[in-house]
C-alpha atoms as a PDB file:
ATOM      1  CA  MET A   1      75.971 109.188 109.875  1.00  0.00           C
ATOM      2  CA  LYS A   2      77.148 112.019 108.322  1.00  0.00           C
ATOM      3  CA  TYR A   3      77.849 113.953 111.491  1.00  0.00           C
ATOM      4  CA  LYS A   4      79.955 110.783 112.832  1.00  0.00           C
ATOM      5  CA  LYS A   5      82.603 111.611 110.391  1.00  0.00           C
ATOM      6  CA  LEU A   6      82.422 115.120 111.453  1.00  0.00           C
ATOM      7  CA  LEU A   7      82.581 114.051 115.676  1.00  0.00           C
ATOM      8  CA  MET A   8      85.390 111.187 114.884  1.00  0.00           C
ATOM      9  CA  SER A   9      87.594 114.083 113.408  1.00  0.00           C
ATOM     10  CA  ARG A  10      86.599 116.596 116.302  1.00  0.00           C
ATOM     11  CA  ILE A  11      87.542 113.856 118.778  1.00  0.00           C
ATOM     12  CA  PHE A  12      90.986 112.753 117.080  1.00  0.00           C
ATOM     13  CA  ALA A  13      91.735 116.553 116.347  1.00  0.00           C
ATOM     14  CA  ILE A  14      91.448 117.140 120.297  1.00  0.00           C
ATOM     15  CA  LEU A  15      93.585 114.110 121.157  1.00  0.00           C
ATOM     16  CA  VAL A  16      96.365 114.870 118.772  1.00  0.00           C
ATOM     17  CA  GLY A  17      96.536 118.630 119.633  1.00  0.00           C
ATOM     18  CA  ALA A  18      96.700 117.452 123.481  1.00  0.00           C
ATOM     19  CA  ILE A  19      99.131 114.788 123.024  1.00  0.00           C
ATOM     20  CA  THR A  20     101.519 116.857 120.922  1.00  0.00           C
ATOM     21  CA  ILE A  21     101.454 119.782 123.639  1.00  0.00           C
ATOM     22  CA  MET A  22     101.836 116.985 126.269  1.00  0.00           C
ATOM     23  CA  PHE A  23     104.822 115.826 124.905  1.00  0.00           C
ATOM     24  CA  ILE A  24     106.439 119.541 124.756  1.00  0.00           C
ATOM     25  CA  ILE A  25     105.575 119.664 128.373  1.00  0.00           C
ATOM     26  CA  LEU A  26     106.848 116.833 129.555  1.00  0.00           C
ATOM     27  CA  GLY A  27     109.871 116.973 127.221  1.00  0.00           C
ATOM     28  CA  LEU A  28     109.387 113.863 125.233  1.00  0.00           C
ATOM     29  CA  THR A  29     110.130 115.593 121.918  1.00  0.00           C
ATOM     30  CA  GLN A  30     113.552 114.870 120.239  1.00  0.00           C
ATOM     31  CA  ASN A  31     114.913 118.297 119.317  1.00  0.00           C
ATOM     32  CA  ILE A  32     112.421 119.884 121.603  1.00  0.00           C
ATOM     33  CA  ASP A  33     113.928 123.761 120.897  1.00  0.00           C
ATOM     34  CA  LEU A  34     113.376 123.392 117.347  1.00  0.00           C
ATOM     35  CA  PHE A  35     109.728 121.647 117.520  1.00  0.00           C
ATOM     36  CA  ARG A  36     108.582 123.510 120.540  1.00  0.00           C
ATOM     37  CA  PRO A  37     106.689 126.534 118.857  1.00  0.00           C
ATOM     38  CA  ALA A  38     105.274 124.431 115.745  1.00  0.00           C
ATOM     39  CA  ASP A  39     103.919 122.203 118.217  1.00  0.00           C
ATOM     40  CA  ILE A  40     102.092 124.239 120.702  1.00  0.00           C
ATOM     41  CA  VAL A  41     100.636 126.190 117.114  1.00  0.00           C
ATOM     42  CA  LEU A  42      99.582 122.758 115.749  1.00  0.00           C
ATOM     43  CA  GLY A  43      97.824 121.844 119.316  1.00  0.00           C
ATOM     44  CA  ILE A  44      96.106 125.295 119.635  1.00  0.00           C
ATOM     45  CA  ILE A  45      94.799 125.135 116.173  1.00  0.00           C
ATOM     46  CA  LEU A  46      93.733 121.585 116.347  1.00  0.00           C
ATOM     47  CA  ILE A  47      92.009 121.890 119.738  1.00  0.00           C
ATOM     48  CA  ALA A  48      90.215 125.604 118.701  1.00  0.00           C
ATOM     49  CA  ALA A  49      89.117 124.588 115.225  1.00  0.00           C
ATOM     50  CA  ALA A  50      87.625 121.114 116.992  1.00  0.00           C
ATOM     51  CA  LEU A  51      85.759 123.219 119.302  1.00  0.00           C
ATOM     52  CA  ILE A  52      83.990 125.731 116.866  1.00  0.00           C
ATOM     53  CA  PRO A  53      80.073 124.911 116.928  1.00  0.00           C
ATOM     54  CA  ARG A  54      79.545 124.978 113.209  1.00  0.00           C
ATOM     55  CA  ALA A  55      80.155 122.224 111.567  1.00  0.00           C
ATOM     56  CA  LYS A  56      81.471 123.410 108.070  1.00  0.00           C
ATOM     57  CA  MET A  57      83.828 125.906 109.580  1.00  0.00           C
ATOM     58  CA  ALA A  58      85.021 123.643 112.002  1.00  0.00           C
ATOM     59  CA  ALA A  59      85.666 121.012 109.140  1.00  0.00           C
ATOM     60  CA  LEU A  60      87.493 123.701 107.456  1.00  0.00           C
ATOM     61  CA  GLY A  61      89.420 124.760 110.417  1.00  0.00           C
ATOM     62  CA  MET A  62      90.425 121.058 110.957  1.00  0.00           C
ATOM     63  CA  LEU A  63      91.449 120.597 107.624  1.00  0.00           C
ATOM     64  CA  ILE A  64      93.608 123.362 108.043  1.00  0.00           C
ATOM     65  CA  GLY A  65      94.976 121.956 111.193  1.00  0.00           C
ATOM     66  CA  TYR A  66      95.447 118.487 110.222  1.00  0.00           C
ATOM     67  CA  SER A  67      97.491 119.859 107.005  1.00  0.00           C
ATOM     68  CA  TYR A  68      99.653 122.052 109.036  1.00  0.00           C
ATOM     69  CA  THR A  69     100.085 119.078 111.930  1.00  0.00           C
ATOM     70  CA  ALA A  70     101.027 116.403 108.810  1.00  0.00           C
ATOM     71  CA  GLY A  71     103.914 119.420 107.690  1.00  0.00           C
ATOM     72  CA  VAL A  72     105.509 119.510 111.168  1.00  0.00           C
ATOM     73  CA  PHE A  73     105.195 115.845 111.815  1.00  0.00           C
ATOM     74  CA  SER A  74     106.695 115.183 108.591  1.00  0.00           C
ATOM     75  CA  LEU A  75     109.809 117.516 109.128  1.00  0.00           C
ATOM     76  CA  SER A  76     110.000 115.662 112.872  1.00  0.00           C
ATOM     77  CA  ILE A  77     110.226 112.233 111.103  1.00  0.00           C
ATOM     78  CA  THR A  78     112.714 113.520 109.136  1.00  0.00           C
ATOM     79  CA  ALA A  79     114.669 115.538 111.528  1.00  0.00           C
ATOM     80  CA  THR A  80     114.920 112.033 113.329  1.00  0.00           C
ATOM     81  CA  LEU A  81     115.808 109.725 110.438  1.00  0.00           C
ATOM     82  CA  LEU A  82     118.853 112.332 110.055  1.00  0.00           C
ATOM     83  CA  ASP A  83     119.345 111.325 113.673  1.00  0.00           C
ATOM     84  CA  GLY A  84     119.507 108.393 113.226  1.00  0.00           C
ATOM     85  CA  ALA A  85     115.958 107.116 114.621  1.00  0.00           C
ATOM     86  CA  PHE A  86     112.788 106.525 113.978  1.00  0.00           C
ATOM     87  CA  ASN A  87     110.167 108.308 115.305  1.00  0.00           C
ATOM     88  CA  VAL A  88     107.063 106.012 115.911  1.00  0.00           C
ATOM     89  CA  ALA A  89     104.828 109.057 117.453  1.00  0.00           C
ATOM     90  CA  SER A  90     105.349 111.209 114.855  1.00  0.00           C
ATOM     91  CA  THR A  91     104.380 108.683 112.017  1.00  0.00           C
ATOM     92  CA  LEU A  92     101.471 107.607 114.104  1.00  0.00           C
ATOM     93  CA  GLY A  93     100.505 111.025 114.051  1.00  0.00           C
ATOM     94  CA  LEU A  94     101.267 111.854 110.549  1.00  0.00           C
ATOM     95  CA  ILE A  95      99.049 108.460 109.203  1.00  0.00           C
ATOM     96  CA  VAL A  96      96.406 110.222 111.578  1.00  0.00           C
ATOM     97  CA  CYS A  97      96.383 113.538 109.902  1.00  0.00           C
ATOM     98  CA  ILE A  98      96.584 112.024 106.397  1.00  0.00           C
ATOM     99  CA  LEU A  99      93.608 110.075 107.229  1.00  0.00           C
ATOM    100  CA  PHE A 100      91.133 112.751 108.628  1.00  0.00           C
ATOM    101  CA  ILE A 101      92.337 114.912 105.827  1.00  0.00           C
ATOM    102  CA  TYR A 102      90.554 112.826 103.080  1.00  0.00           C
ATOM    103  CA  ILE A 103      87.733 111.876 105.728  1.00  0.00           C
ATOM    104  CA  LEU A 104      87.360 115.907 106.144  1.00  0.00           C
ATOM    105  CA  SER A 105      87.640 116.722 102.459  1.00  0.00           C
ATOM    106  CA  ARG A 106      85.261 114.058 101.452  1.00  0.00           C
ATOM    107  CA  TRP A 107      82.897 115.017 104.318  1.00  0.00           C
ATOM    108  CA  LEU A 108      82.756 118.623 103.144  1.00  0.00           C
ATOM    109  CA  LEU A 109      82.116 117.877  99.367  1.00  0.00           C
ATOM    110  CA  GLU A 110      79.508 115.485 100.477  1.00  0.00           C
ATOM    111  CA  THR A 111      78.075 118.226 102.441  1.00  0.00           C
END
């Protein structure tokens, strides 16, 4: 049970990272010139951290990745709101990030 939370965090880190990179590649991101570097970096950080074999190091790396990603998604949501639209993808991504920041923080404190 203890490592189930870590496994879920790894799976979602890979999904969020890969989906974000795919949004950039497919040109589905608003303000793509603004967000391209940040989205690529967050994707690489999340995927790389999820693949670290040592559990605590992976959890720490994913905490950093999810925190960075939450910041990027918050900026994306704000930018699209200022353009008069609502960014559903970034909002869902932000919710996932906040959830896994909480889950990983609790997991690290329990182990």
